N, C-alpha and C. Protein backbone atom coordinates (compact mmCIF):
# COMPACT_ATOMS: atom_id res chain seq x y z
N MET A 1 -73.90 -255.91 108.57
CA MET A 1 -74.13 -257.21 109.24
C MET A 1 -75.26 -256.75 110.31
N THR A 2 -75.92 -257.67 110.76
CA THR A 2 -76.62 -257.58 112.06
C THR A 2 -76.21 -258.28 112.99
N ASP A 3 -76.45 -257.83 114.43
CA ASP A 3 -75.92 -258.29 115.75
C ASP A 3 -76.58 -259.76 116.09
N PRO A 4 -75.90 -260.61 116.09
CA PRO A 4 -76.58 -261.87 116.47
C PRO A 4 -77.10 -261.83 117.86
N ARG A 5 -76.99 -261.08 118.90
CA ARG A 5 -77.53 -260.96 120.26
C ARG A 5 -78.81 -260.31 120.21
N MET A 6 -79.67 -260.95 121.44
CA MET A 6 -80.83 -259.87 121.41
C MET A 6 -80.60 -258.86 122.45
N ASN A 7 -81.66 -257.79 122.60
CA ASN A 7 -81.79 -256.77 122.90
C ASN A 7 -82.79 -257.41 124.36
N ASP A 8 -82.76 -256.26 125.21
CA ASP A 8 -83.47 -256.30 126.51
C ASP A 8 -84.78 -256.61 126.10
N HIS A 9 -85.55 -256.03 125.25
CA HIS A 9 -86.75 -255.94 124.58
C HIS A 9 -87.38 -257.36 124.20
N GLU A 10 -86.02 -257.93 123.05
CA GLU A 10 -86.82 -259.35 122.82
C GLU A 10 -86.55 -260.39 123.80
N ILE A 11 -85.74 -260.39 124.46
CA ILE A 11 -85.29 -261.34 125.70
C ILE A 11 -86.70 -261.46 126.43
N GLU A 12 -87.35 -260.23 127.05
CA GLU A 12 -88.50 -260.05 127.95
C GLU A 12 -89.88 -260.54 127.16
N ALA A 13 -89.98 -260.25 125.60
CA ALA A 13 -90.85 -261.27 124.92
C ALA A 13 -90.71 -262.44 124.87
N LEU A 14 -89.50 -263.00 124.59
CA LEU A 14 -89.31 -264.20 124.80
C LEU A 14 -89.65 -264.68 126.16
N PHE A 15 -89.32 -264.20 127.80
CA PHE A 15 -89.64 -265.03 128.70
C PHE A 15 -91.21 -264.67 128.70
N ALA A 16 -91.87 -263.61 128.47
CA ALA A 16 -93.10 -263.25 128.39
C ALA A 16 -94.18 -264.43 127.72
N ALA A 17 -93.55 -264.77 126.51
CA ALA A 17 -94.37 -266.12 126.00
C ALA A 17 -94.02 -266.92 126.42
N ALA A 18 -92.93 -267.38 127.33
CA ALA A 18 -92.85 -268.65 128.17
C ALA A 18 -93.54 -268.74 129.34
N ARG A 19 -93.69 -267.67 129.96
CA ARG A 19 -94.84 -267.36 131.11
C ARG A 19 -96.14 -268.02 130.65
N ALA A 20 -96.66 -267.57 129.79
CA ALA A 20 -98.24 -267.30 129.16
C ALA A 20 -98.30 -268.95 128.81
N GLU A 21 -97.43 -269.61 128.22
CA GLU A 21 -97.67 -270.80 127.50
C GLU A 21 -96.72 -271.77 128.53
N ARG A 22 -98.00 -272.52 129.92
CA ARG A 22 -97.04 -273.42 130.85
C ARG A 22 -97.69 -274.69 130.43
N ALA A 23 -96.38 -275.55 130.10
CA ALA A 23 -96.43 -276.82 129.90
C ALA A 23 -96.89 -277.72 130.99
N GLU A 24 -98.02 -278.38 131.19
CA GLU A 24 -98.62 -279.33 131.97
C GLU A 24 -98.00 -280.87 131.62
N PRO A 25 -97.69 -281.78 132.65
CA PRO A 25 -97.44 -283.19 132.48
C PRO A 25 -98.61 -284.00 132.03
N SER A 26 -98.92 -284.85 131.36
CA SER A 26 -100.02 -285.44 130.91
C SER A 26 -100.24 -286.42 131.75
N ALA A 27 -101.47 -286.66 132.18
CA ALA A 27 -102.49 -287.93 132.89
C ALA A 27 -101.42 -289.30 132.84
N ALA A 28 -101.26 -289.34 131.67
CA ALA A 28 -100.39 -290.59 131.69
C ALA A 28 -99.04 -290.61 132.29
N LEU A 29 -98.56 -289.49 132.12
CA LEU A 29 -96.93 -289.59 132.57
C LEU A 29 -96.86 -289.54 133.93
N MET A 30 -98.14 -288.83 134.73
CA MET A 30 -98.42 -288.53 136.18
C MET A 30 -98.64 -290.03 136.72
N ALA A 31 -99.43 -290.89 135.67
CA ALA A 31 -100.01 -292.06 136.31
C ALA A 31 -98.71 -292.96 136.15
N ARG A 32 -97.77 -293.12 135.58
CA ARG A 32 -96.63 -293.86 135.23
C ARG A 32 -95.46 -293.72 136.51
N ILE A 33 -95.48 -292.10 136.38
CA ILE A 33 -94.56 -291.76 137.85
C ILE A 33 -95.19 -292.53 139.01
N MET A 34 -96.42 -292.00 139.14
CA MET A 34 -96.76 -292.69 140.69
C MET A 34 -96.98 -294.38 140.68
N ASP A 35 -96.69 -294.92 139.66
CA ASP A 35 -96.60 -296.23 139.60
C ASP A 35 -95.34 -297.00 139.80
N ASP A 36 -94.35 -296.37 139.10
CA ASP A 36 -93.12 -296.05 140.06
C ASP A 36 -92.55 -295.73 141.40
N ALA A 37 -93.14 -294.70 141.80
CA ALA A 37 -92.93 -294.39 143.18
C ALA A 37 -93.65 -295.66 143.83
N MET A 38 -94.60 -295.91 143.67
CA MET A 38 -95.08 -296.82 144.69
C MET A 38 -94.34 -298.13 144.70
N ILE A 39 -93.72 -298.55 143.83
CA ILE A 39 -93.46 -299.98 143.22
C ILE A 39 -91.78 -299.74 144.29
N ALA A 40 -91.19 -298.64 144.15
CA ALA A 40 -89.89 -298.41 144.99
C ALA A 40 -90.22 -298.21 146.41
N ALA A 41 -91.52 -297.60 146.60
CA ALA A 41 -91.78 -297.15 148.39
C ALA A 41 -91.98 -298.68 148.79
N ALA A 42 -92.65 -299.53 148.29
CA ALA A 42 -92.97 -300.98 148.42
C ALA A 42 -91.35 -301.78 148.68
N GLU A 43 -90.45 -301.90 147.85
CA GLU A 43 -89.29 -302.37 147.75
C GLU A 43 -88.12 -301.69 148.60
N ALA A 44 -88.46 -300.47 149.00
CA ALA A 44 -87.61 -299.96 150.46
C ALA A 44 -88.53 -300.53 151.47
N ALA A 45 -89.75 -300.55 151.69
CA ALA A 45 -90.36 -301.16 153.22
C ALA A 45 -89.98 -302.41 153.35
N ALA A 46 -89.84 -303.28 152.02
CA ALA A 46 -89.73 -304.92 152.29
C ALA A 46 -88.73 -305.50 153.30
N PRO A 47 -88.84 -306.11 153.78
CA PRO A 47 -87.44 -306.84 154.72
C PRO A 47 -86.48 -307.38 153.52
N ARG A 48 -85.18 -307.04 153.57
CA ARG A 48 -84.24 -307.45 153.07
C ARG A 48 -83.24 -308.68 153.59
N PRO A 49 -83.05 -309.81 152.78
CA PRO A 49 -82.52 -310.89 153.70
C PRO A 49 -81.04 -310.60 154.04
N VAL A 50 -80.74 -310.89 155.28
CA VAL A 50 -79.24 -310.95 155.63
C VAL A 50 -78.41 -311.87 155.40
N ALA A 51 -77.35 -311.25 154.85
CA ALA A 51 -76.36 -312.41 154.42
C ALA A 51 -75.93 -312.74 155.47
N ALA A 52 -75.25 -314.44 155.19
CA ALA A 52 -74.97 -315.24 156.28
C ALA A 52 -73.85 -314.95 156.38
N ARG A 53 -73.24 -315.04 158.06
CA ARG A 53 -71.91 -314.46 158.14
C ARG A 53 -71.11 -315.77 158.13
N PRO A 54 -69.66 -315.65 157.82
CA PRO A 54 -69.16 -317.08 157.53
C PRO A 54 -68.86 -317.94 159.12
N VAL A 55 -68.75 -319.13 158.96
CA VAL A 55 -68.63 -320.09 160.28
C VAL A 55 -67.65 -319.60 161.43
N ALA A 56 -66.86 -318.96 160.87
CA ALA A 56 -65.69 -318.40 161.92
C ALA A 56 -66.26 -317.33 162.81
N ALA A 57 -66.88 -316.40 162.04
CA ALA A 57 -67.48 -315.59 162.65
C ALA A 57 -68.58 -315.53 163.81
N GLN A 58 -69.68 -316.86 163.15
CA GLN A 58 -70.51 -317.37 163.95
C GLN A 58 -69.94 -317.64 165.23
N THR A 59 -69.00 -318.71 165.12
CA THR A 59 -68.74 -319.35 166.50
C THR A 59 -67.63 -318.26 167.37
N GLY A 60 -67.42 -316.96 166.90
CA GLY A 60 -66.65 -316.17 167.70
C GLY A 60 -65.05 -316.05 167.35
N ARG A 61 -64.51 -317.16 166.45
CA ARG A 61 -63.21 -317.18 166.14
C ARG A 61 -62.75 -316.32 165.16
N ARG A 62 -61.63 -315.57 165.28
CA ARG A 62 -61.19 -314.43 164.64
C ARG A 62 -59.52 -315.08 164.09
N GLY A 63 -59.05 -314.57 163.29
CA GLY A 63 -57.77 -314.78 162.65
C GLY A 63 -57.00 -313.99 163.79
N LEU A 64 -55.66 -314.52 163.42
CA LEU A 64 -54.47 -313.83 164.38
C LEU A 64 -54.53 -312.11 164.11
N VAL A 65 -54.53 -311.96 162.81
CA VAL A 65 -54.08 -310.56 162.12
C VAL A 65 -55.54 -309.88 162.74
N ALA A 66 -56.62 -310.30 162.62
CA ALA A 66 -57.75 -309.46 163.02
C ALA A 66 -57.82 -309.10 164.59
N VAL A 67 -57.58 -310.17 165.36
CA VAL A 67 -57.25 -309.93 166.72
C VAL A 67 -56.01 -308.97 167.15
N LEU A 68 -54.89 -309.02 166.32
CA LEU A 68 -53.67 -308.44 166.52
C LEU A 68 -54.38 -306.71 166.43
N VAL A 69 -55.30 -306.64 165.08
CA VAL A 69 -55.36 -305.26 164.64
C VAL A 69 -56.77 -304.59 165.49
N ALA A 70 -57.58 -305.45 166.19
CA ALA A 70 -58.51 -304.75 166.87
C ALA A 70 -58.04 -304.48 168.35
N ALA A 71 -56.61 -305.23 168.88
CA ALA A 71 -55.79 -304.96 169.97
C ALA A 71 -55.33 -303.42 170.03
N ILE A 72 -54.75 -303.36 168.97
CA ILE A 72 -54.05 -301.80 168.50
C ILE A 72 -55.12 -301.04 168.62
N GLY A 73 -56.45 -300.67 168.07
CA GLY A 73 -57.44 -300.01 167.80
C GLY A 73 -58.13 -299.93 166.84
N GLY A 74 -57.88 -300.87 165.62
CA GLY A 74 -58.24 -300.67 164.49
C GLY A 74 -57.09 -300.53 163.41
N TRP A 75 -57.42 -300.27 161.92
CA TRP A 75 -56.85 -300.05 160.77
C TRP A 75 -56.40 -298.44 160.97
N PRO A 76 -56.97 -297.39 161.60
CA PRO A 76 -56.74 -296.10 161.70
C PRO A 76 -55.44 -296.02 162.51
N ALA A 77 -55.49 -296.90 163.83
CA ALA A 77 -54.27 -296.70 164.71
C ALA A 77 -53.52 -297.85 164.30
N LEU A 78 -53.41 -298.60 163.57
CA LEU A 78 -52.11 -299.22 163.12
C LEU A 78 -51.56 -298.84 162.06
N ALA A 79 -52.17 -297.90 161.13
CA ALA A 79 -51.68 -296.99 160.19
C ALA A 79 -50.79 -296.02 161.05
N GLY A 80 -51.38 -295.42 162.25
CA GLY A 80 -50.94 -294.44 163.06
C GLY A 80 -49.15 -294.94 163.52
N VAL A 81 -49.09 -296.47 164.21
CA VAL A 81 -48.31 -297.15 164.34
C VAL A 81 -47.27 -297.42 163.36
N ALA A 82 -47.86 -297.84 162.54
CA ALA A 82 -46.59 -298.07 161.29
C ALA A 82 -46.12 -297.00 160.77
N THR A 83 -46.63 -295.48 160.85
CA THR A 83 -46.06 -294.27 160.30
C THR A 83 -45.15 -293.81 161.55
N ALA A 84 -45.18 -294.18 162.83
CA ALA A 84 -44.82 -293.56 163.64
C ALA A 84 -43.18 -294.66 163.72
N GLY A 85 -43.67 -295.86 163.54
CA GLY A 85 -42.32 -296.95 163.26
C GLY A 85 -41.25 -296.04 162.24
N VAL A 86 -42.11 -296.01 161.18
CA VAL A 86 -41.20 -295.58 159.64
C VAL A 86 -40.23 -294.49 160.32
N PHE A 87 -41.36 -293.51 160.66
CA PHE A 87 -40.20 -292.39 161.16
C PHE A 87 -39.22 -292.46 162.43
N GLY A 88 -39.38 -293.16 163.37
CA GLY A 88 -38.46 -293.65 164.09
C GLY A 88 -36.99 -294.35 163.56
N LEU A 89 -37.14 -294.99 162.42
CA LEU A 89 -36.47 -295.74 161.87
C LEU A 89 -35.20 -294.72 161.26
N TRP A 90 -36.47 -293.84 160.47
CA TRP A 90 -35.62 -292.76 159.56
C TRP A 90 -34.99 -291.78 160.78
N ILE A 91 -35.42 -291.30 161.68
CA ILE A 91 -34.79 -290.25 162.55
C ILE A 91 -33.49 -291.28 163.21
N GLY A 92 -33.65 -292.72 163.09
CA GLY A 92 -32.46 -293.31 163.91
C GLY A 92 -31.40 -293.49 163.11
N TYR A 93 -31.91 -293.62 161.79
CA TYR A 93 -30.29 -293.72 160.30
C TYR A 93 -30.12 -292.50 160.06
N ALA A 94 -31.08 -291.23 159.96
CA ALA A 94 -30.65 -290.13 159.71
C ALA A 94 -30.43 -289.19 160.35
N GLY A 95 -30.35 -289.72 161.66
CA GLY A 95 -30.25 -288.45 162.90
C GLY A 95 -29.25 -287.67 162.91
N PRO A 96 -29.14 -286.56 164.00
CA PRO A 96 -28.18 -285.47 164.01
C PRO A 96 -26.83 -286.13 164.39
N GLY A 97 -25.59 -285.96 163.98
CA GLY A 97 -24.55 -286.72 164.14
C GLY A 97 -24.08 -286.38 165.49
N ASP A 98 -24.16 -285.33 166.12
CA ASP A 98 -23.78 -285.33 167.65
C ASP A 98 -24.54 -284.62 168.12
N VAL A 99 -25.34 -285.43 168.87
CA VAL A 99 -26.69 -284.76 169.90
C VAL A 99 -26.11 -283.92 171.16
N GLY A 100 -24.77 -284.49 171.72
CA GLY A 100 -24.60 -283.91 172.93
C GLY A 100 -24.02 -282.10 172.39
N THR A 101 -23.45 -281.97 171.29
CA THR A 101 -23.07 -281.03 170.52
C THR A 101 -24.42 -279.79 170.64
N LEU A 102 -25.15 -280.47 169.96
CA LEU A 102 -26.48 -279.53 169.77
C LEU A 102 -26.77 -279.01 170.70
N THR A 103 -27.08 -280.00 171.98
CA THR A 103 -27.73 -279.89 173.26
C THR A 103 -26.61 -278.83 173.91
N ALA A 104 -25.75 -279.07 173.89
CA ALA A 104 -24.57 -277.82 174.63
C ALA A 104 -24.71 -276.57 174.12
N THR A 105 -24.86 -276.13 172.76
CA THR A 105 -25.19 -275.33 171.95
C THR A 105 -26.56 -274.70 172.29
N ILE A 106 -27.63 -275.30 172.20
CA ILE A 106 -28.68 -274.79 172.50
C ILE A 106 -29.03 -274.17 174.26
N LEU A 107 -28.32 -275.10 175.21
CA LEU A 107 -28.59 -274.70 176.53
C LEU A 107 -27.27 -274.21 177.13
N GLY A 108 -26.54 -274.13 176.43
CA GLY A 108 -25.51 -273.41 177.17
C GLY A 108 -24.24 -274.63 177.14
N SER A 109 -22.89 -274.39 177.91
CA SER A 109 -21.57 -274.86 177.76
C SER A 109 -22.09 -275.41 179.17
N ALA A 110 -22.96 -275.09 180.00
CA ALA A 110 -22.81 -275.84 181.62
C ALA A 110 -23.50 -276.85 181.74
N TYR A 111 -24.52 -277.17 180.69
CA TYR A 111 -25.34 -278.76 180.46
C TYR A 111 -24.91 -279.49 179.57
N GLY A 112 -24.87 -280.53 179.80
CA GLY A 112 -24.64 -281.52 178.46
C GLY A 112 -25.86 -282.56 179.03
N PRO A 113 -25.95 -283.48 177.66
CA PRO A 113 -27.03 -284.62 177.48
C PRO A 113 -27.43 -285.50 179.07
N ASN A 114 -25.90 -285.85 179.58
CA ASN A 114 -26.05 -286.45 180.81
C ASN A 114 -27.10 -285.93 182.04
N ASP A 115 -26.71 -284.69 181.85
CA ASP A 115 -27.25 -283.40 183.20
C ASP A 115 -28.72 -283.59 183.34
N LEU A 116 -29.20 -283.46 181.70
CA LEU A 116 -30.70 -283.12 181.33
C LEU A 116 -31.57 -284.81 181.82
N VAL A 117 -31.00 -286.12 181.42
CA VAL A 117 -31.65 -287.10 181.73
C VAL A 117 -31.32 -287.74 183.31
N PRO A 118 -31.98 -287.89 183.77
CA PRO A 118 -31.78 -288.61 185.35
C PRO A 118 -31.39 -289.84 185.10
N SER A 119 -30.48 -290.24 185.97
CA SER A 119 -29.87 -291.72 185.92
C SER A 119 -30.48 -292.53 187.44
N LEU A 120 -30.33 -293.65 187.69
CA LEU A 120 -30.75 -294.61 188.59
C LEU A 120 -29.70 -293.75 189.63
N ASP A 121 -28.77 -293.43 189.37
CA ASP A 121 -27.78 -292.82 191.01
C ASP A 121 -28.48 -291.76 191.33
N THR A 122 -29.55 -290.89 191.11
CA THR A 122 -29.64 -289.67 191.01
C THR A 122 -30.93 -290.33 192.15
N TYR A 123 -31.71 -291.34 192.01
CA TYR A 123 -32.47 -291.79 193.07
C TYR A 123 -31.92 -292.32 193.74
N LEU A 124 -30.91 -292.65 193.80
CA LEU A 124 -30.09 -293.56 195.17
C LEU A 124 -29.18 -292.83 196.06
N THR A 125 -29.10 -292.13 195.71
CA THR A 125 -28.20 -290.99 196.82
C THR A 125 -29.08 -290.96 197.99
N GLU A 126 -28.22 -291.02 198.92
CA GLU A 126 -28.78 -290.65 200.49
C GLU A 126 -28.38 -289.55 200.94
N GLY A 127 -29.46 -289.39 201.78
CA GLY A 127 -28.96 -287.82 202.32
C GLY A 127 -30.47 -286.90 202.21
């Protein structure tokens, strides 16, 4: 049984034959390619008609949703606000049971949640 693979000498002979026989495109093919290129260049240079905007956009009137989305900062900002809102609802619903105990554990027993948050009484004290 013979080995179907080629050795290096046979491969080099094939490459040498391919290098010696160089295929050039015909003049008719080159003419067709150039004709297509000239047509494509003319189409790219030609001005394109501008699509007419809706009447509401021409008068400067926008819908309520468009105004609200623009006021927030666009659709990416609206997605961030919606994500923060859903996350806040989740924390509010499934948050830790006793934040006071957690705070006292972390900071020690000397401080509680009321000591960390200033109240109006802090600013009204005289003296």
